[in-house]
Structure formats: structure tokens, C-alpha cells
C-alpha atoms as a PDB file:
ATOM      1  CA  MET A   1      -0.052  -0.004   0.019  1.00  0.00           C
ATOM      2  CA  ALA A   2       3.173   2.410   0.550  1.00  0.00           C
ATOM      3  CA  GLU A   3       3.474   2.550  -3.294  1.00  0.00           C
ATOM      4  CA  LYS A   4      -0.055   4.365  -3.437  1.00  0.00           C
ATOM      5  CA  ILE A   5       1.033   7.037  -0.815  1.00  0.00           C
ATOM      6  CA  LEU A   6       2.615   9.748  -2.889  1.00  0.00           C
ATOM      7  CA  THR A   7       4.250  13.350  -2.355  1.00  0.00           C
ATOM      8  CA  ARG A   8       2.348  16.081  -3.984  1.00  0.00           C
ATOM      9  CA  GLU A   9       4.927  16.276  -6.575  1.00  0.00           C
ATOM     10  CA  ARG A  10       4.969  12.750  -7.256  1.00  0.00           C
ATOM     11  CA  LEU A  11       1.287  12.594  -7.292  1.00  0.00           C
ATOM     12  CA  ILE A  12       1.090  15.427 -10.015  1.00  0.00           C
ATOM     13  CA  GLU A  13       3.487  13.211 -12.208  1.00  0.00           C
ATOM     14  CA  ALA A  14       1.249  10.246 -11.560  1.00  0.00           C
ATOM     15  CA  VAL A  15      -1.986  11.953 -12.485  1.00  0.00           C
ATOM     16  CA  ALA A  16      -0.566  13.651 -15.618  1.00  0.00           C
ATOM     17  CA  ALA A  17       0.615  10.209 -16.689  1.00  0.00           C
ATOM     18  CA  ASP A  18      -2.624   8.636 -16.157  1.00  0.00           C
ATOM     19  CA  ARG A  19      -4.280  11.401 -18.257  1.00  0.00           C
ATOM     20  CA  ARG A  20      -1.814  10.885 -20.973  1.00  0.00           C
ATOM     21  CA  ALA A  21      -2.983   7.187 -20.859  1.00  0.00           C
ATOM     22  CA  GLY A  22      -6.735   8.208 -21.292  1.00  0.00           C
ATOM     23  CA  CYS A  23      -7.655   7.790 -17.577  1.00  0.00           C
ATOM     24  CA  THR A  24     -10.147  10.082 -15.895  1.00  0.00           C
ATOM     25  CA  ILE A  25      -9.684  11.371 -12.310  1.00  0.00           C
ATOM     26  CA  ALA A  26     -11.889  11.422  -9.346  1.00  0.00           C
ATOM     27  CA  PHE A  27     -10.741  13.258  -6.070  1.00  0.00           C
ATOM     28  CA  ALA A  28     -11.881  12.679  -2.482  1.00  0.00           C
ATOM     29  CA  ASN A  29     -10.769  13.932   0.733  1.00  0.00           C
ATOM     30  CA  GLY A  30     -11.019  13.691   4.519  1.00  0.00           C
ATOM     31  CA  MET A  31      -9.496  13.133   7.874  1.00  0.00           C
ATOM     32  CA  PHE A  32     -10.326   9.351   7.833  1.00  0.00           C
ATOM     33  CA  ASP A  33      -9.653   9.018  11.713  1.00  0.00           C
ATOM     34  CA  LEU A  34     -10.753   5.573  12.606  1.00  0.00           C
ATOM     35  CA  LEU A  35     -11.767   4.117   9.409  1.00  0.00           C
ATOM     36  CA  HIS A  36     -15.506   3.034   9.506  1.00  0.00           C
ATOM     37  CA  VAL A  37     -17.901   1.668   7.016  1.00  0.00           C
ATOM     38  CA  GLY A  38     -19.185   5.237   5.844  1.00  0.00           C
ATOM     39  CA  HIS A  39     -15.621   5.894   4.833  1.00  0.00           C
ATOM     40  CA  VAL A  40     -15.522   2.642   2.849  1.00  0.00           C
ATOM     41  CA  ARG A  41     -18.824   3.248   1.085  1.00  0.00           C
ATOM     42  CA  TYR A  42     -17.740   7.035   0.361  1.00  0.00           C
ATOM     43  CA  LEU A  43     -14.479   5.873  -1.130  1.00  0.00           C
ATOM     44  CA  ARG A  44     -15.911   3.029  -3.063  1.00  0.00           C
ATOM     45  CA  ALA A  45     -18.608   5.326  -4.524  1.00  0.00           C
ATOM     46  CA  ALA A  46     -15.912   8.103  -5.326  1.00  0.00           C
ATOM     47  CA  ALA A  47     -13.892   5.331  -7.219  1.00  0.00           C
ATOM     48  CA  ALA A  48     -16.811   4.531  -9.439  1.00  0.00           C
ATOM     49  CA  GLU A  49     -16.884   8.068 -10.729  1.00  0.00           C
ATOM     50  CA  ALA A  50     -13.606   7.571 -12.697  1.00  0.00           C
ATOM     51  CA  SER A  51     -10.766   5.347 -13.822  1.00  0.00           C
ATOM     52  CA  ARG A  52      -8.537   6.714 -10.942  1.00  0.00           C
ATOM     53  CA  LEU A  53      -9.260   7.928  -7.388  1.00  0.00           C
ATOM     54  CA  VAL A  54      -7.044  10.328  -5.703  1.00  0.00           C
ATOM     55  CA  VAL A  55      -7.611  10.706  -1.872  1.00  0.00           C
ATOM     56  CA  ALA A  56      -6.419  13.671   0.172  1.00  0.00           C
ATOM     57  CA  VAL A  57      -5.835  12.852   3.779  1.00  0.00           C
ATOM     58  CA  ASN A  58      -5.568  15.859   6.258  1.00  0.00           C
ATOM     59  CA  ASP A  59      -2.439  16.141   7.898  1.00  0.00           C
ATOM     60  CA  ASP A  60      -2.194  16.102  11.747  1.00  0.00           C
ATOM     61  CA  ALA A  61      -2.183  19.715  12.342  1.00  0.00           C
ATOM     62  CA  THR A  62      -5.510  20.446  10.486  1.00  0.00           C
ATOM     63  CA  ALA A  63      -6.979  17.040  11.739  1.00  0.00           C
ATOM     64  CA  ALA A  64      -6.335  18.306  15.303  1.00  0.00           C
ATOM     65  CA  LYS A  65      -9.031  21.063  14.602  1.00  0.00           C
ATOM     66  CA  LYS A  66     -11.687  18.258  15.280  1.00  0.00           C
ATOM     67  CA  GLY A  67     -11.119  18.603  18.756  1.00  0.00           C
ATOM     68  CA  PRO A  68      -9.082  17.352  21.703  1.00  0.00           C
ATOM     69  CA  GLY A  69      -7.458  14.167  21.263  1.00  0.00           C
ATOM     70  CA  ARG A  70      -7.801  14.343  17.710  1.00  0.00           C
ATOM     71  CA  PRO A  71      -6.569  12.745  15.406  1.00  0.00           C
ATOM     72  CA  ILE A  72      -6.651   9.380  17.040  1.00  0.00           C
ATOM     73  CA  LEU A  73      -4.204   7.869  14.445  1.00  0.00           C
ATOM     74  CA  PRO A  74      -1.328   9.735  12.856  1.00  0.00           C
ATOM     75  CA  ALA A  75      -1.631  10.944   9.179  1.00  0.00           C
ATOM     76  CA  PRO A  76       0.753   8.286   7.928  1.00  0.00           C
ATOM     77  CA  VAL A  77      -1.340   5.553   9.356  1.00  0.00           C
ATOM     78  CA  ARG A  78      -4.590   7.172   8.342  1.00  0.00           C
ATOM     79  CA  ALA A  79      -3.133   7.207   4.581  1.00  0.00           C
ATOM     80  CA  GLU A  80      -2.158   3.467   4.596  1.00  0.00           C
ATOM     81  CA  LEU A  81      -5.652   2.550   5.766  1.00  0.00           C
ATOM     82  CA  VAL A  82      -7.054   4.454   3.063  1.00  0.00           C
ATOM     83  CA  ALA A  83      -4.631   3.158   0.489  1.00  0.00           C
ATOM     84  CA  ALA A  84      -5.948  -0.197   1.436  1.00  0.00           C
ATOM     85  CA  VAL A  85      -9.621   0.514   0.138  1.00  0.00           C
ATOM     86  CA  ARG A  86     -10.353  -1.151  -2.981  1.00  0.00           C
ATOM     87  CA  GLY A  87     -10.575   1.376  -5.746  1.00  0.00           C
ATOM     88  CA  VAL A  88      -8.157   4.007  -4.368  1.00  0.00           C
ATOM     89  CA  SER A  89      -5.392   4.761  -6.626  1.00  0.00           C
ATOM     90  CA  TYR A  90      -3.374   7.119  -4.748  1.00  0.00           C
ATOM     91  CA  VAL A  91      -3.341   8.983  -1.301  1.00  0.00           C
ATOM     92  CA  THR A  92      -1.658  12.087  -0.455  1.00  0.00           C
ATOM     93  CA  ILE A  93      -1.517  13.868   2.935  1.00  0.00           C
ATOM     94  CA  PHE A  94      -2.268  17.681   2.774  1.00  0.00           C
ATOM     95  CA  PRO A  95      -1.463  20.451   5.324  1.00  0.00           C
ATOM     96  CA  GLU A  96      -3.801  23.218   4.017  1.00  0.00           C
ATOM     97  CA  ALA A  97      -7.164  24.025   5.437  1.00  0.00           C
ATOM     98  CA  THR A  98      -9.089  23.051   2.253  1.00  0.00           C
ATOM     99  CA  VAL A  99      -8.198  20.999  -0.857  1.00  0.00           C
ATOM    100  CA  ALA A 100      -8.542  24.019  -3.223  1.00  0.00           C
ATOM    101  CA  GLU A 101      -4.912  24.223  -4.061  1.00  0.00           C
ATOM    102  CA  LEU A 102      -4.700  20.490  -4.673  1.00  0.00           C
ATOM    103  CA  LEU A 103      -7.721  20.471  -7.050  1.00  0.00           C
ATOM    104  CA  GLN A 104      -6.037  23.700  -8.790  1.00  0.00           C
ATOM    105  CA  LEU A 105      -2.846  21.626  -9.294  1.00  0.00           C
ATOM    106  CA  LEU A 106      -4.505  18.289 -10.345  1.00  0.00           C
ATOM    107  CA  GLU A 107      -7.668  19.555 -12.039  1.00  0.00           C
ATOM    108  CA  PRO A 108      -9.599  16.356 -11.435  1.00  0.00           C
ATOM    109  CA  ASP A 109     -12.623  15.542 -13.833  1.00  0.00           C
ATOM    110  CA  VAL A 110     -14.764  15.042 -10.496  1.00  0.00           C
ATOM    111  CA  HIS A 111     -14.687  16.208  -6.889  1.00  0.00           C
ATOM    112  CA  CYS A 112     -16.430  13.726  -4.864  1.00  0.00           C
ATOM    113  CA  LYS A 113     -17.910  14.777  -1.530  1.00  0.00           C
ATOM    114  CA  GLY A 114     -20.043  12.781   0.962  1.00  0.00           C
ATOM    115  CA  THR A 115     -23.792  12.969   1.343  1.00  0.00           C
ATOM    116  CA  ASP A 116     -23.251  15.487   4.318  1.00  0.00           C
ATOM    117  CA  TYR A 117     -22.805  18.036   1.654  1.00  0.00           C
ATOM    118  CA  THR A 118     -25.065  19.244  -1.219  1.00  0.00           C
ATOM    119  CA  ILE A 119     -23.557  20.691  -4.382  1.00  0.00           C
ATOM    120  CA  GLU A 120     -24.286  24.203  -3.059  1.00  0.00           C
ATOM    121  CA  THR A 121     -22.500  23.600   0.114  1.00  0.00           C
ATOM    122  CA  VAL A 122     -19.247  22.112  -1.227  1.00  0.00           C
ATOM    123  CA  PRO A 123     -16.615  24.611  -0.031  1.00  0.00           C
ATOM    124  CA  GLU A 124     -14.476  24.115  -3.437  1.00  0.00           C
ATOM    125  CA  ARG A 125     -17.180  24.146  -5.928  1.00  0.00           C
ATOM    126  CA  ASP A 126     -16.408  27.234  -7.252  1.00  0.00           C
ATOM    127  CA  VAL A 127     -12.830  26.124  -7.751  1.00  0.00           C
ATOM    128  CA  VAL A 128     -13.810  22.920  -9.542  1.00  0.00           C
ATOM    129  CA  ARG A 129     -16.254  24.731 -12.072  1.00  0.00           C
ATOM    130  CA  ALA A 130     -13.443  27.213 -12.861  1.00  0.00           C
ATOM    131  CA  TYR A 131     -11.489  24.605 -14.475  1.00  0.00           C
ATOM    132  CA  GLY A 132     -14.420  22.739 -15.947  1.00  0.00           C
ATOM    133  CA  GLY A 133     -14.765  19.872 -13.560  1.00  0.00           C
ATOM    134  CA  ARG A 134     -17.774  18.602 -11.616  1.00  0.00           C
ATOM    135  CA  VAL A 135     -18.777  18.005  -8.196  1.00  0.00           C
ATOM    136  CA  ALA A 136     -20.617  14.771  -7.424  1.00  0.00           C
ATOM    137  CA  ILE A 137     -22.000  13.925  -3.920  1.00  0.00           C
ATOM    138  CA  VAL A 138     -21.425  10.214  -3.272  1.00  0.00           C
ATOM    139  CA  GLY A 139     -21.600   7.588  -0.551  1.00  0.00           C
ATOM    140  CA  ASP A 140     -24.571   6.480   1.761  1.00  0.00           C
ATOM    141  CA  PRO A 141     -26.486   8.576   4.157  1.00  0.00           C
ATOM    142  CA  LYS A 142     -24.368  10.098   6.786  1.00  0.00           C
ATOM    143  CA  ASP A 143     -25.475   7.609   9.473  1.00  0.00           C
ATOM    144  CA  HIS A 144     -21.674   6.894  10.449  1.00  0.00           C
ATOM    145  CA  SER A 145     -19.122   9.263  12.081  1.00  0.00           C
ATOM    146  CA  THR A 146     -15.986   8.979  13.939  1.00  0.00           C
ATOM    147  CA  ARG A 147     -17.412  11.321  16.486  1.00  0.00           C
ATOM    148  CA  ASP A 148     -20.367   8.945  17.096  1.00  0.00           C
ATOM    149  CA  LEU A 149     -17.915   5.861  17.291  1.00  0.00           C
ATOM    150  CA  LEU A 150     -15.629   7.425  19.788  1.00  0.00           C
ATOM    151  CA  GLU A 151     -18.685   8.454  22.001  1.00  0.00           C
ATOM    152  CA  ARG A 152     -19.680   4.794  21.920  1.00  0.00           C
ATOM    153  CA  ILE A 153     -16.324   3.534  22.926  1.00  0.00           C
ATOM    154  CA  ARG A 154     -16.019   6.033  25.680  1.00  0.00           C
ATOM    155  CA  ARG A 155     -19.427   4.879  27.173  1.00  0.00           C
END
């Protein structure tokens, strides 16, 4: 799985090579702390949107904004777990507050967000539209969350 986890520079090269080979690119992102079935369903649905799926995982500093004690797992571990999900082509760790910069660099054909969003509430929708991409809402209903899982464990 480590071969799927790429630096930003290597990811740009891999996506360019895939494009030259005629592949389409989907993009998904998240913290993925304590990987659960909702994450898997989101990633599998995102993978169905294109030939290749790029997943951006929040680094530890941005993930810490979720609250005290977060993230549970460090970014390299979270990236490895995401890389193990069938359909995920590449994983990268990003330090920015949003994925806007990565979207501008990669220009994926489709930016996939979970069902806790609507097309209108996707923060990066204008970035995606500006380069001619589309936004897709994918996955099952947001009935699963790491926050809820942690609360169950605490009880």
C-alpha cells in the first residue's frame, strides 16, 4: 500500500501520466480517523466516478481542529488505511485548511464529497467549476461518524 501514498510532486506526475493514458480522475478528501463503513462506502462510490481515485488525507495539524485528542491515528497510518480500500489509486497527505490548492494543481474530472454536503455547500465547488470539472455527492447517508464511534467507545 505504501506505493500508493505519494508526495504532492509525485502525485502530480502520476495523474499527468494517467491522463496521457486516457484515464479520468476522481478526487476525494477527508480526515479518515478511525476508518469506518461510511468512509469505505464514500471511497468506493468516489472510485466509481472515474478511472482513478485520488484521496487527500488531512495532516495531523489540520485534523487536530476536530477537537481534543484528535486525530486518534497519525496521518501516515490514516493514509495507509485509506490506501488499502479497493478502488483507491493514490493517497496524499495535505496540510492546507481546504483542498482548493490540490484541486487547482490536479484538476480532477470530478470532486467527490459525502452525503453530508449538497452541491451548493461544497466549499471548493467554485474552484472545480472554474477549471471545468464537476462535483459529485457520493456514498451512503451520513449515518456513520468517527465522533459517534468515539462516543460509543467512551461509554
